[in-house]
Amino acid sequence: MNTTDQDESRAAELYRIYRAHLETCPRRHVGILADCAAGTGLGRAVRNARRSADGGPARCGT
């Protein structure tokens, strides 16, 4: 599977959205005490988009 500029652009845009969320949300986002569902979902979306851009398979659970 070849990466495209669209895949890389999507990963970059999701990362910008995730970073903006982290700057404004006072909740925990990493580790066992994470309590922000939106932040967790955005983080997962960023990781999956990066995997897709790198040519690897996207995973749902990680």
Protein backbone atom coordinates (compact mmCIF):
# COMPACT_ATOMS: atom_id res chain seq x y z
CA MET A 1 0.00 0.00 0.00
CA ASN A 2 1.44 3.36 -1.00
CA THR A 3 1.09 6.45 1.12
CA THR A 4 -0.49 9.51 -0.40
CA ASP A 5 -0.27 13.20 0.32
CA GLN A 6 -3.90 12.97 1.41
CA ASP A 7 -3.03 10.38 4.09
CA GLU A 8 -0.17 12.51 5.39
CA SER A 9 -2.33 15.64 5.32
CA ARG A 10 -5.08 13.87 7.28
CA ALA A 11 -2.60 12.69 9.91
CA ALA A 12 -1.19 16.20 10.27
CA GLU A 13 -4.65 17.78 10.55
CA LEU A 14 -5.77 15.26 13.18
CA TYR A 15 -2.58 15.94 15.14
CA ARG A 16 -3.27 19.71 15.08
CA ILE A 17 -6.81 19.06 16.34
CA TYR A 18 -5.48 16.74 19.07
CA ARG A 19 -2.89 19.30 20.21
CA ALA A 20 -5.53 22.06 20.34
CA HIS A 21 -7.71 19.77 22.46
CA LEU A 22 -4.84 19.05 24.85
CA GLU A 23 -4.20 22.78 25.30
CA THR A 24 -7.80 23.52 26.26
CA CYS A 25 -8.96 20.40 28.13
CA PRO A 26 -8.08 20.17 31.84
CA ARG A 27 -8.56 16.40 32.05
CA ARG A 28 -5.97 13.59 31.98
CA HIS A 29 -5.20 12.12 28.56
CA VAL A 30 -2.46 9.51 29.04
CA GLY A 31 -2.07 6.41 31.13
CA ILE A 32 -4.33 4.36 33.31
CA LEU A 33 -5.89 7.47 34.91
CA ALA A 34 -6.94 8.99 31.58
CA ASP A 35 -10.46 10.33 31.99
CA CYS A 36 -11.12 12.25 28.78
CA ALA A 37 -12.93 10.15 26.19
CA ALA A 38 -12.62 12.81 23.49
CA GLY A 39 -8.85 13.08 23.98
CA THR A 40 -8.45 9.32 23.96
CA GLY A 41 -10.45 9.04 20.74
CA LEU A 42 -8.47 11.82 19.08
CA GLY A 43 -5.19 10.22 20.12
CA ARG A 44 -6.31 6.90 18.66
CA ALA A 45 -7.37 8.61 15.42
CA VAL A 46 -3.97 10.31 15.15
CA ARG A 47 -2.11 7.00 15.64
CA ASN A 48 -4.28 5.21 13.09
CA ALA A 49 -3.88 8.03 10.55
CA ARG A 50 -0.11 7.93 11.00
CA ARG A 51 -0.07 4.16 10.53
CA SER A 52 -2.11 4.57 7.36
CA ALA A 53 0.22 7.31 6.09
CA ASP A 54 3.23 5.07 6.80
CA GLY A 55 1.65 2.28 4.77
CA GLY A 56 0.82 0.06 7.73
CA PRO A 57 -2.61 -1.30 8.62
CA ALA A 58 -4.80 0.88 10.80
CA ARG A 59 -5.93 -0.73 14.05
CA CYS A 60 -9.14 -0.01 15.94
CA GLY A 61 -8.21 -0.94 19.48
CA THR A 62 -4.88 0.86 19.90
